Amino acid sequence: MHQKTKSALFFAAACALSTGASAHTGHGTHSLMEGLTHPFGADHLLAMLAVGIWSVSALPTNKAWQGPATFLLALVLSAVLGTSGFTVPYLEHAIALSVTLFGAMLVLASTPMPKAFGLTLIALAASLHGLAHGAETPETGFAGYAAGFLLTTALLHLGGVGLGLSIRRWLSERSTTVLTSLGGLLSVAGLVLFNQV
């Protein structure tokens, strides 16, 4: 196997197996620093990277920004809804399965999919994350946390876009294999997260 392909798959496996922090409760939500660090939990980290990679791999070149923008917008809107007490049953389970969904989207990234359908799936998954974060809103200090959280989320999306561009440029002949492998690893990671909830 080509050395660059091995390196990419090793990185993906390391990310997929770093499933220690996934829950959306039991952490601080009062400061900018807590907001900056929370998205490095496995569920959020893997989802953000996957959205960026999928956007570069499945959307037209000049539309790749739409995946991350859709996620961020749905995240904010659903967090506002979550602050009012709205939730859905088995929310943490659904969040874990969103990682599996994004894995499946990567597996299918080279298969034509209506853009609106893919972006709708991203918005639905982002809404799950947003509801969970909205539900944990404290009475004071949430603005700094939210700002940090959104900044790190956007940076992780950019990281995913960078990975997607690297796959396209350096592994173009093997891009389908790499995306399928990454998607498979993400899907398994989502199931592991689901089992840990």
N, C-alpha and C. Protein backbone atom coordinates (compact mmCIF):
# COMPACT_ATOMS: atom_id res chain seq x y z
N MET A 1 0.85 -1.19 0.00
CA MET A 1 0.00 0.00 0.00
C MET A 1 0.89 1.24 0.00
N HIS A 2 0.50 2.22 -0.72
CA HIS A 2 1.24 3.48 -0.86
C HIS A 2 1.44 4.11 0.53
N GLN A 3 2.63 4.69 0.80
CA GLN A 3 2.96 5.25 2.11
C GLN A 3 1.99 6.36 2.53
N LYS A 4 1.59 7.23 1.60
CA LYS A 4 0.66 8.30 1.94
C LYS A 4 -0.70 7.75 2.32
N THR A 5 -1.13 6.69 1.64
CA THR A 5 -2.41 6.05 1.98
C THR A 5 -2.33 5.45 3.38
N LYS A 6 -1.21 4.78 3.68
CA LYS A 6 -1.04 4.20 5.01
C LYS A 6 -1.08 5.28 6.09
N SER A 7 -0.41 6.39 5.84
CA SER A 7 -0.38 7.48 6.82
C SER A 7 -1.77 8.04 7.05
N ALA A 8 -2.52 8.25 5.98
CA ALA A 8 -3.88 8.78 6.11
C ALA A 8 -4.76 7.82 6.87
N LEU A 9 -4.67 6.53 6.58
CA LEU A 9 -5.49 5.55 7.28
C LEU A 9 -5.07 5.41 8.75
N PHE A 10 -3.78 5.50 9.02
CA PHE A 10 -3.32 5.45 10.41
C PHE A 10 -3.88 6.63 11.20
N PHE A 11 -3.82 7.82 10.61
CA PHE A 11 -4.37 9.01 11.27
C PHE A 11 -5.85 8.83 11.55
N ALA A 12 -6.58 8.33 10.56
CA ALA A 12 -8.02 8.13 10.72
C ALA A 12 -8.32 7.10 11.80
N ALA A 13 -7.53 6.03 11.84
CA ALA A 13 -7.75 5.01 12.87
C ALA A 13 -7.48 5.58 14.25
N ALA A 14 -6.46 6.39 14.38
CA ALA A 14 -6.15 7.00 15.67
C ALA A 14 -7.29 7.90 16.13
N CYS A 15 -7.84 8.68 15.20
CA CYS A 15 -8.99 9.54 15.54
C CYS A 15 -10.20 8.70 15.91
N ALA A 16 -10.45 7.66 15.14
CA ALA A 16 -11.63 6.84 15.36
C ALA A 16 -11.56 6.10 16.69
N LEU A 17 -10.36 5.75 17.12
CA LEU A 17 -10.23 5.00 18.35
C LEU A 17 -10.09 5.88 19.59
N SER A 18 -10.01 7.19 19.39
CA SER A 18 -9.90 8.11 20.52
C SER A 18 -11.29 8.50 20.99
N THR A 19 -12.04 7.52 21.46
CA THR A 19 -13.46 7.72 21.74
C THR A 19 -13.74 7.93 23.21
N GLY A 20 -12.78 8.44 23.94
CA GLY A 20 -12.99 8.57 25.38
C GLY A 20 -14.03 9.60 25.78
N ALA A 21 -13.99 10.80 25.22
CA ALA A 21 -14.90 11.86 25.66
C ALA A 21 -15.99 12.08 24.64
N SER A 22 -17.24 11.73 25.03
CA SER A 22 -18.30 11.87 24.06
C SER A 22 -19.54 12.53 24.60
N ALA A 23 -19.78 12.43 25.89
CA ALA A 23 -21.04 12.92 26.42
C ALA A 23 -21.08 14.44 26.43
N HIS A 24 -22.29 14.99 26.44
CA HIS A 24 -22.46 16.43 26.45
C HIS A 24 -22.84 16.95 27.83
N THR A 25 -22.71 16.14 28.84
CA THR A 25 -23.00 16.60 30.19
C THR A 25 -21.77 16.37 31.05
N GLY A 26 -21.73 17.06 32.19
CA GLY A 26 -20.65 16.85 33.12
C GLY A 26 -19.38 17.63 32.80
N HIS A 27 -19.47 18.65 31.99
CA HIS A 27 -18.30 19.49 31.70
C HIS A 27 -18.71 20.94 31.87
N GLY A 28 -17.70 21.79 32.02
CA GLY A 28 -17.99 23.20 32.24
C GLY A 28 -18.51 23.88 30.99
N THR A 29 -19.38 24.85 31.18
CA THR A 29 -19.93 25.62 30.06
C THR A 29 -19.92 27.11 30.37
N HIS A 30 -18.96 27.55 31.18
CA HIS A 30 -18.97 28.94 31.63
C HIS A 30 -17.90 29.83 31.02
N SER A 31 -16.90 29.25 30.37
CA SER A 31 -15.80 30.10 29.94
C SER A 31 -15.42 29.86 28.49
N LEU A 32 -14.72 30.82 27.94
CA LEU A 32 -14.21 30.72 26.59
C LEU A 32 -13.32 29.48 26.44
N MET A 33 -12.44 29.25 27.42
CA MET A 33 -11.52 28.11 27.33
C MET A 33 -12.27 26.78 27.32
N GLU A 34 -13.32 26.67 28.12
CA GLU A 34 -14.11 25.44 28.11
C GLU A 34 -14.79 25.26 26.74
N GLY A 35 -15.23 26.35 26.15
CA GLY A 35 -15.82 26.28 24.82
C GLY A 35 -14.81 25.90 23.75
N LEU A 36 -13.59 26.42 23.88
CA LEU A 36 -12.55 26.11 22.90
C LEU A 36 -12.14 24.64 22.94
N THR A 37 -12.19 24.03 24.12
CA THR A 37 -11.70 22.66 24.26
C THR A 37 -12.78 21.59 24.08
N HIS A 38 -14.03 21.93 24.34
CA HIS A 38 -15.06 20.88 24.29
C HIS A 38 -15.17 20.18 22.93
N PRO A 39 -15.07 20.87 21.80
CA PRO A 39 -15.23 20.16 20.52
C PRO A 39 -14.18 19.09 20.24
N PHE A 40 -13.17 18.96 21.10
CA PHE A 40 -12.19 17.91 20.91
C PHE A 40 -12.64 16.58 21.49
N GLY A 41 -13.87 16.53 22.04
CA GLY A 41 -14.48 15.25 22.40
C GLY A 41 -14.68 14.44 21.12
N ALA A 42 -14.61 13.13 21.23
CA ALA A 42 -14.58 12.27 20.04
C ALA A 42 -15.77 12.47 19.11
N ASP A 43 -16.99 12.55 19.66
CA ASP A 43 -18.14 12.66 18.77
C ASP A 43 -18.10 13.94 17.94
N HIS A 44 -17.78 15.03 18.58
CA HIS A 44 -17.76 16.31 17.88
C HIS A 44 -16.57 16.39 16.92
N LEU A 45 -15.41 16.00 17.39
CA LEU A 45 -14.20 16.03 16.57
C LEU A 45 -14.38 15.23 15.28
N LEU A 46 -14.84 14.00 15.41
CA LEU A 46 -15.00 13.14 14.23
C LEU A 46 -16.07 13.69 13.28
N ALA A 47 -17.16 14.20 13.86
CA ALA A 47 -18.23 14.75 13.02
C ALA A 47 -17.74 15.97 12.23
N MET A 48 -17.02 16.87 12.90
CA MET A 48 -16.55 18.09 12.22
C MET A 48 -15.58 17.77 11.09
N LEU A 49 -14.64 16.89 11.37
CA LEU A 49 -13.67 16.52 10.33
C LEU A 49 -14.39 15.87 9.15
N ALA A 50 -15.36 15.00 9.45
CA ALA A 50 -16.09 14.30 8.39
C ALA A 50 -16.88 15.28 7.52
N VAL A 51 -17.51 16.28 8.13
CA VAL A 51 -18.26 17.26 7.36
C VAL A 51 -17.34 17.99 6.38
N GLY A 52 -16.17 18.38 6.84
CA GLY A 52 -15.22 19.06 5.96
C GLY A 52 -14.75 18.17 4.83
N ILE A 53 -14.39 16.92 5.15
CA ILE A 53 -13.91 15.99 4.12
C ILE A 53 -15.02 15.71 3.11
N TRP A 54 -16.24 15.45 3.60
CA TRP A 54 -17.36 15.16 2.70
C TRP A 54 -17.63 16.35 1.79
N SER A 55 -17.59 17.54 2.34
CA SER A 55 -17.91 18.73 1.56
C SER A 55 -16.97 18.91 0.39
N VAL A 56 -15.68 18.65 0.61
CA VAL A 56 -14.70 18.76 -0.47
C VAL A 56 -14.87 17.62 -1.47
N SER A 57 -15.23 16.45 -0.97
CA SER A 57 -15.27 15.25 -1.82
C SER A 57 -16.57 15.10 -2.60
N ALA A 58 -17.68 15.63 -2.07
CA ALA A 58 -18.98 15.37 -2.68
C ALA A 58 -19.63 16.60 -3.31
N LEU A 59 -19.27 17.78 -2.85
CA LEU A 59 -19.88 19.00 -3.39
C LEU A 59 -19.02 19.59 -4.50
N PRO A 60 -19.62 20.38 -5.39
CA PRO A 60 -18.80 21.07 -6.39
C PRO A 60 -17.74 21.94 -5.71
N THR A 61 -16.63 22.12 -6.37
CA THR A 61 -15.49 22.83 -5.78
C THR A 61 -15.88 24.18 -5.18
N ASN A 62 -16.68 24.95 -5.87
CA ASN A 62 -17.04 26.27 -5.36
C ASN A 62 -18.18 26.24 -4.35
N LYS A 63 -18.64 25.05 -3.99
CA LYS A 63 -19.74 24.92 -3.02
C LYS A 63 -19.30 24.18 -1.75
N ALA A 64 -18.02 23.85 -1.62
CA ALA A 64 -17.55 23.07 -0.48
C ALA A 64 -17.79 23.76 0.85
N TRP A 65 -17.90 25.07 0.86
CA TRP A 65 -18.15 25.83 2.09
C TRP A 65 -19.55 25.56 2.64
N GLN A 66 -20.45 25.06 1.81
CA GLN A 66 -21.84 24.92 2.24
C GLN A 66 -22.04 23.86 3.31
N GLY A 67 -21.23 22.80 3.30
CA GLY A 67 -21.36 21.77 4.34
C GLY A 67 -21.06 22.33 5.73
N PRO A 68 -19.87 22.90 5.93
CA PRO A 68 -19.57 23.51 7.23
C PRO A 68 -20.53 24.64 7.61
N ALA A 69 -20.91 25.49 6.65
CA ALA A 69 -21.83 26.59 6.96
C ALA A 69 -23.19 26.06 7.39
N THR A 70 -23.65 25.02 6.73
CA THR A 70 -24.94 24.40 7.11
C THR A 70 -24.86 23.85 8.52
N PHE A 71 -23.76 23.17 8.83
CA PHE A 71 -23.61 22.60 10.17
C PHE A 71 -23.63 23.71 11.22
N LEU A 72 -22.84 24.75 11.02
CA LEU A 72 -22.75 25.82 12.00
C LEU A 72 -24.09 26.52 12.20
N LEU A 73 -24.80 26.80 11.12
CA LEU A 73 -26.10 27.46 11.23
C LEU A 73 -27.10 26.58 11.98
N ALA A 74 -27.18 25.31 11.61
CA ALA A 74 -28.11 24.40 12.29
C ALA A 74 -27.73 24.21 13.75
N LEU A 75 -26.43 24.20 14.04
CA LEU A 75 -25.95 24.06 15.42
C LEU A 75 -26.44 25.24 16.27
N VAL A 76 -26.27 26.45 15.77
CA VAL A 76 -26.68 27.64 16.51
C VAL A 76 -28.20 27.68 16.70
N LEU A 77 -28.94 27.45 15.64
CA LEU A 77 -30.40 27.53 15.73
C LEU A 77 -30.97 26.47 16.68
N SER A 78 -30.43 25.26 16.61
CA SER A 78 -30.94 24.22 17.50
C SER A 78 -30.48 24.42 18.93
N ALA A 79 -29.32 25.04 19.14
CA ALA A 79 -28.89 25.36 20.51
C ALA A 79 -29.84 26.35 21.15
N VAL A 80 -30.29 27.33 20.37
CA VAL A 80 -31.28 28.28 20.88
C VAL A 80 -32.56 27.54 21.25
N LEU A 81 -32.97 26.60 20.42
CA LEU A 81 -34.15 25.79 20.73
C LEU A 81 -33.92 24.96 21.99
N GLY A 82 -32.72 24.43 22.13
CA GLY A 82 -32.40 23.63 23.31
C GLY A 82 -32.43 24.42 24.60
N THR A 83 -32.10 25.72 24.53
CA THR A 83 -32.14 26.54 25.75
C THR A 83 -33.56 26.68 26.29
N SER A 84 -34.56 26.49 25.42
CA SER A 84 -35.95 26.59 25.86
C SER A 84 -36.45 25.27 26.43
N GLY A 85 -35.60 24.27 26.48
CA GLY A 85 -35.99 23.00 27.07
C GLY A 85 -36.40 21.94 26.06
N PHE A 86 -36.40 22.28 24.78
CA PHE A 86 -36.78 21.29 23.77
C PHE A 86 -35.68 20.24 23.65
N THR A 87 -36.08 18.99 23.57
CA THR A 87 -35.13 17.90 23.38
C THR A 87 -35.81 16.77 22.63
N VAL A 88 -35.07 15.75 22.32
CA VAL A 88 -35.62 14.55 21.69
C VAL A 88 -35.17 13.35 22.50
N PRO A 89 -35.95 12.27 22.49
CA PRO A 89 -35.56 11.08 23.24
C PRO A 89 -34.24 10.51 22.71
N TYR A 90 -33.47 9.94 23.61
CA TYR A 90 -32.22 9.27 23.26
C TYR A 90 -31.26 10.19 22.49
N LEU A 91 -31.19 11.42 22.94
CA LEU A 91 -30.39 12.42 22.23
C LEU A 91 -28.92 12.02 22.14
N GLU A 92 -28.32 11.57 23.24
CA GLU A 92 -26.91 11.19 23.20
C GLU A 92 -26.67 10.01 22.27
N HIS A 93 -27.60 9.08 22.23
CA HIS A 93 -27.47 7.95 21.30
C HIS A 93 -27.51 8.45 19.85
N ALA A 94 -28.42 9.37 19.59
CA ALA A 94 -28.54 9.91 18.24
C ALA A 94 -27.28 10.67 17.84
N ILE A 95 -26.68 11.39 18.78
CA ILE A 95 -25.44 12.11 18.49
C ILE A 95 -24.33 11.13 18.12
N ALA A 96 -24.23 10.04 18.86
CA ALA A 96 -23.22 9.02 18.53
C ALA A 96 -23.48 8.45 17.14
N LEU A 97 -24.74 8.20 16.83
CA LEU A 97 -25.06 7.65 15.51
C LEU A 97 -24.84 8.66 14.39
N SER A 98 -24.79 9.97 14.73
CA SER A 98 -24.49 10.96 13.70
C SER A 98 -23.08 10.75 13.16
N VAL A 99 -22.17 10.25 13.99
CA VAL A 99 -20.82 9.94 13.53
C VAL A 99 -20.88 8.79 12.52
N THR A 100 -21.72 7.79 12.81
CA THR A 100 -21.91 6.68 11.88
C THR A 100 -22.51 7.18 10.57
N LEU A 101 -23.47 8.10 10.67
CA LEU A 101 -24.07 8.70 9.47
C LEU A 101 -23.01 9.38 8.62
N PHE A 102 -22.16 10.19 9.26
CA PHE A 102 -21.11 10.87 8.49
C PHE A 102 -20.13 9.89 7.89
N GLY A 103 -19.88 8.78 8.58
CA GLY A 103 -19.04 7.74 8.00
C GLY A 103 -19.66 7.17 6.73
N ALA A 104 -20.97 6.91 6.79
CA ALA A 104 -21.66 6.40 5.61
C ALA A 104 -21.62 7.42 4.46
N MET A 105 -21.73 8.69 4.81
CA MET A 105 -21.66 9.72 3.78
C MET A 105 -20.29 9.74 3.11
N LEU A 106 -19.23 9.49 3.89
CA LEU A 106 -17.89 9.43 3.29
C LEU A 106 -17.76 8.21 2.38
N VAL A 107 -18.32 7.08 2.82
CA VAL A 107 -18.28 5.87 1.98
C VAL A 107 -18.94 6.15 0.64
N LEU A 108 -20.02 6.94 0.67
CA LEU A 108 -20.79 7.22 -0.54
C LEU A 108 -20.39 8.54 -1.23
N ALA A 109 -19.31 9.16 -0.77
CA ALA A 109 -18.95 10.49 -1.27
C ALA A 109 -18.71 10.52 -2.77
N SER A 110 -18.22 9.44 -3.34
CA SER A 110 -17.96 9.44 -4.78
C SER A 110 -19.20 9.07 -5.59
N THR A 111 -20.28 8.72 -4.89
CA THR A 111 -21.54 8.40 -5.56
C THR A 111 -22.38 9.67 -5.64
N PRO A 112 -22.91 9.99 -6.80
CA PRO A 112 -23.72 11.22 -6.90
C PRO A 112 -24.89 11.20 -5.91
N MET A 113 -25.00 12.27 -5.15
CA MET A 113 -26.08 12.45 -4.19
C MET A 113 -26.60 13.86 -4.37
N PRO A 114 -27.92 14.04 -4.37
CA PRO A 114 -28.42 15.41 -4.47
C PRO A 114 -27.83 16.28 -3.36
N LYS A 115 -27.31 17.43 -3.75
CA LYS A 115 -26.66 18.32 -2.78
C LYS A 115 -27.59 18.64 -1.62
N ALA A 116 -28.85 18.92 -1.91
CA ALA A 116 -29.80 19.28 -0.86
C ALA A 116 -29.99 18.15 0.14
N PHE A 117 -29.95 16.90 -0.33
CA PHE A 117 -30.11 15.76 0.56
C PHE A 117 -28.92 15.66 1.52
N GLY A 118 -27.71 15.78 0.98
CA GLY A 118 -26.52 15.73 1.82
C GLY A 118 -26.49 16.85 2.85
N LEU A 119 -26.83 18.05 2.42
CA LEU A 119 -26.84 19.19 3.34
C LEU A 119 -27.95 19.05 4.39
N THR A 120 -29.06 18.44 4.02
CA THR A 120 -30.13 18.19 4.99
C THR A 120 -29.67 17.20 6.06
N LEU A 121 -28.96 16.16 5.65
CA LEU A 121 -28.43 15.21 6.63
C LEU A 121 -27.46 15.91 7.58
N ILE A 122 -26.62 16.79 7.04
CA ILE A 122 -25.69 17.54 7.88
C ILE A 122 -26.46 18.42 8.86
N ALA A 123 -27.50 19.10 8.39
CA ALA A 123 -28.28 19.98 9.26
C ALA A 123 -28.98 19.19 10.37
N LEU A 124 -29.51 18.02 10.03
CA LEU A 124 -30.18 17.20 11.05
C LEU A 124 -29.19 16.74 12.12
N ALA A 125 -28.02 16.28 11.69
CA ALA A 125 -27.00 15.85 12.66
C ALA A 125 -26.54 17.02 13.52
N ALA A 126 -26.32 18.18 12.89
CA ALA A 126 -25.90 19.37 13.65
C ALA A 126 -26.96 19.77 14.66
N SER A 127 -28.22 19.60 14.30
CA SER A 127 -29.30 19.95 15.22
C SER A 127 -29.27 19.10 16.48
N LEU A 128 -28.88 17.85 16.36
CA LEU A 128 -28.75 17.00 17.54
C LEU A 128 -27.67 17.55 18.47
N HIS A 129 -26.53 17.89 17.89
CA HIS A 129 -25.44 18.46 18.69
C HIS A 129 -25.88 19.77 19.33
N GLY A 130 -26.58 20.61 18.57
CA GLY A 130 -27.03 21.90 19.09
C GLY A 130 -28.03 21.77 20.21
N LEU A 131 -28.98 20.85 20.09
CA LEU A 131 -29.96 20.64 21.16
C LEU A 131 -29.27 20.25 22.46
N ALA A 132 -28.28 19.37 22.36
CA ALA A 132 -27.56 18.94 23.56
C ALA A 132 -26.84 20.11 24.21
N HIS A 133 -26.19 20.94 23.40
CA HIS A 133 -25.46 22.07 23.98
C HIS A 133 -26.38 23.16 24.48
N GLY A 134 -27.49 23.36 23.82
CA GLY A 134 -28.46 24.33 24.31
C GLY A 134 -29.05 23.92 25.65
N ALA A 135 -29.24 22.63 25.84
CA ALA A 135 -29.83 22.13 27.07
C ALA A 135 -28.92 22.33 28.29
N GLU A 136 -27.63 22.47 28.06
CA GLU A 136 -26.70 22.62 29.18
C GLU A 136 -26.33 24.08 29.44
N THR A 137 -27.10 25.00 28.89
CA THR A 137 -26.82 26.42 29.04
C THR A 137 -26.97 26.87 30.49
N PRO A 138 -25.93 27.45 31.06
CA PRO A 138 -26.06 28.01 32.41
C PRO A 138 -26.75 29.37 32.36
N GLU A 139 -27.11 29.87 33.51
CA GLU A 139 -27.78 31.17 33.55
C GLU A 139 -26.84 32.31 33.18
N THR A 140 -25.56 32.16 33.48
CA THR A 140 -24.59 33.21 33.16
C THR A 140 -23.34 32.58 32.54
N GLY A 141 -22.63 33.37 31.77
CA GLY A 141 -21.32 32.94 31.26
C GLY A 141 -21.35 32.09 30.02
N PHE A 142 -22.52 31.88 29.43
CA PHE A 142 -22.59 30.98 28.28
C PHE A 142 -22.04 31.62 27.01
N ALA A 143 -22.06 32.94 26.91
CA ALA A 143 -21.62 33.60 25.67
C ALA A 143 -20.17 33.28 25.35
N GLY A 144 -19.29 33.32 26.34
CA GLY A 144 -17.89 33.00 26.10
C GLY A 144 -17.71 31.56 25.68
N TYR A 145 -18.42 30.66 26.37
CA TYR A 145 -18.37 29.25 26.02
C TYR A 145 -18.82 29.03 24.58
N ALA A 146 -19.96 29.65 24.22
CA ALA A 146 -20.50 29.48 22.87
C ALA A 146 -19.54 30.02 21.82
N ALA A 147 -18.92 31.16 22.08
CA ALA A 147 -17.97 31.74 21.13
C ALA A 147 -16.78 30.81 20.92
N GLY A 148 -16.24 30.28 22.00
CA GLY A 148 -15.13 29.35 21.89
C GLY A 148 -15.52 28.07 21.18
N PHE A 149 -16.68 27.57 21.51
CA PHE A 149 -17.18 26.34 20.91
C PHE A 149 -17.35 26.50 19.40
N LEU A 150 -17.95 27.60 18.99
CA LEU A 150 -18.16 27.84 17.56
C LEU A 150 -16.85 28.06 16.82
N LEU A 151 -15.90 28.74 17.46
CA LEU A 151 -14.60 28.97 16.83
C LEU A 151 -13.88 27.64 16.58
N THR A 152 -13.83 26.79 17.61
CA THR A 152 -13.15 25.50 17.45
C THR A 152 -13.88 24.63 16.43
N THR A 153 -15.22 24.67 16.46
CA THR A 153 -15.99 23.90 15.48
C THR A 153 -15.64 24.33 14.06
N ALA A 154 -15.58 25.64 13.82
CA ALA A 154 -15.23 26.15 12.50
C ALA A 154 -13.82 25.73 12.11
N LEU A 155 -12.89 25.78 13.06
CA LEU A 155 -11.51 25.37 12.77
C LEU A 155 -11.42 23.88 12.45
N LEU A 156 -12.21 23.06 13.15
CA LEU A 156 -12.22 21.63 12.86
C LEU A 156 -12.81 21.37 11.47
N HIS A 157 -13.83 22.13 11.11
CA HIS A 157 -14.36 22.03 9.74
C HIS A 157 -13.26 22.35 8.73
N LEU A 158 -12.51 23.42 8.99
CA LEU A 158 -11.40 23.78 8.09
C LEU A 158 -10.36 22.66 8.03
N GLY A 159 -10.11 22.03 9.17
CA GLY A 159 -9.20 20.89 9.19
C GLY A 159 -9.70 19.76 8.31
N GLY A 160 -11.00 19.50 8.37
CA GLY A 160 -11.59 18.48 7.52
C GLY A 160 -11.51 18.85 6.05
N VAL A 161 -11.74 20.12 5.75
CA VAL A 161 -11.60 20.59 4.37
C VAL A 161 -10.15 20.39 3.91
N GLY A 162 -9.20 20.73 4.78
CA GLY A 162 -7.79 20.52 4.44
C GLY A 162 -7.47 19.06 4.19
N LEU A 163 -8.01 18.17 5.01
CA LEU A 163 -7.79 16.74 4.79
C LEU A 163 -8.41 16.30 3.46
N GLY A 164 -9.61 16.80 3.19
CA GLY A 164 -10.26 16.47 1.93
C GLY A 164 -9.46 16.93 0.73
N LEU A 165 -8.95 18.16 0.82
CA LEU A 165 -8.12 18.67 -0.27
C LEU A 165 -6.83 17.87 -0.42
N SER A 166 -6.25 17.46 0.70
CA SER A 166 -5.03 16.65 0.65
C SER A 166 -5.30 15.30 -0.01
N ILE A 167 -6.44 14.70 0.34
CA ILE A 167 -6.80 13.42 -0.29
C ILE A 167 -6.96 13.62 -1.79
N ARG A 168 -7.64 14.69 -2.16
CA ARG A 168 -7.86 14.96 -3.59
C ARG A 168 -6.54 15.19 -4.33
N ARG A 169 -5.62 15.93 -3.69
CA ARG A 169 -4.37 16.28 -4.37
C ARG A 169 -3.34 15.16 -4.34
N TRP A 170 -3.10 14.59 -3.17
CA TRP A 170 -1.99 13.66 -3.01
C TRP A 170 -2.40 12.19 -3.19
N LEU A 171 -3.67 11.91 -3.02
CA LEU A 171 -4.11 10.52 -3.12
C LEU A 171 -5.23 10.37 -4.15
N SER A 172 -5.18 11.19 -5.19
CA SER A 172 -6.29 11.23 -6.13
C SER A 172 -6.59 9.87 -6.76
N GLU A 173 -5.57 9.09 -7.05
CA GLU A 173 -5.79 7.79 -7.66
C GLU A 173 -6.43 6.81 -6.69
N ARG A 174 -6.26 7.05 -5.40
CA ARG A 174 -6.81 6.15 -4.38
C ARG A 174 -7.90 6.83 -3.55
N SER A 175 -8.40 7.95 -4.01
CA SER A 175 -9.31 8.73 -3.18
C SER A 175 -10.57 7.96 -2.79
N THR A 176 -11.12 7.18 -3.69
CA THR A 176 -12.31 6.40 -3.36
C THR A 176 -12.00 5.39 -2.27
N THR A 177 -10.85 4.73 -2.38
CA THR A 177 -10.45 3.75 -1.36
C THR A 177 -10.22 4.44 -0.02
N VAL A 178 -9.55 5.57 -0.04
CA VAL A 178 -9.27 6.29 1.20
C VAL A 178 -10.57 6.77 1.85
N LEU A 179 -11.47 7.35 1.06
CA LEU A 179 -12.74 7.84 1.61
C LEU A 179 -13.59 6.69 2.15
N THR A 180 -13.60 5.57 1.43
CA THR A 180 -14.35 4.41 1.91
C THR A 180 -13.77 3.89 3.22
N SER A 181 -12.44 3.85 3.31
CA SER A 181 -11.79 3.38 4.54
C SER A 181 -12.06 4.34 5.69
N LEU A 182 -11.92 5.65 5.44
CA LEU A 182 -12.22 6.64 6.47
C LEU A 182 -13.67 6.53 6.92
N GLY A 183 -14.57 6.39 5.95
CA GLY A 183 -15.99 6.26 6.27
C GLY A 183 -16.28 5.03 7.10
N GLY A 184 -15.64 3.92 6.76
CA GLY A 184 -15.83 2.70 7.54
C GLY A 184 -15.34 2.87 8.96
N LEU A 185 -14.17 3.49 9.12
CA LEU A 185 -13.64 3.72 10.47
C LEU A 185 -14.56 4.65 11.27
N LEU A 186 -15.06 5.70 10.63
CA LEU A 186 -15.98 6.61 11.32
C LEU A 186 -17.27 5.90 11.72
N SER A 187 -17.78 5.07 10.84
CA SER A 187 -19.01 4.34 11.16
C SER A 187 -18.81 3.44 12.37
N VAL A 188 -17.68 2.76 12.40
CA VAL A 188 -17.38 1.89 13.56
C VAL A 188 -17.22 2.74 14.82
N ALA A 189 -16.52 3.87 14.69
CA ALA A 189 -16.33 4.75 15.85
C ALA A 189 -17.68 5.23 16.39
N GLY A 190 -18.61 5.56 15.49
CA GLY A 190 -19.95 5.97 15.92
C GLY A 190 -20.65 4.88 16.70
N LEU A 191 -20.50 3.63 16.25
CA LEU A 191 -21.12 2.51 16.97
C LEU A 191 -20.47 2.29 18.33
N VAL A 192 -19.15 2.48 18.39
CA VAL A 192 -18.46 2.38 19.69
C VAL A 192 -18.97 3.48 20.64
N LEU A 193 -19.09 4.70 20.13
CA LEU A 193 -19.62 5.80 20.94
C LEU A 193 -21.04 5.50 21.40
N PHE A 194 -21.85 4.95 20.50
CA PHE A 194 -23.23 4.59 20.83
C PHE A 194 -23.24 3.58 21.98
N ASN A 195 -22.34 2.65 21.93
CA ASN A 195 -22.26 1.61 22.97
C ASN A 195 -21.78 2.16 24.29
N GLN A 196 -21.08 3.30 24.28
CA GLN A 196 -20.55 3.91 25.51
C GLN A 196 -21.56 4.83 26.19
N VAL A 197 -22.62 5.20 25.49
CA VAL A 197 -23.59 6.15 26.06
C VAL A 197 -24.40 5.46 27.14
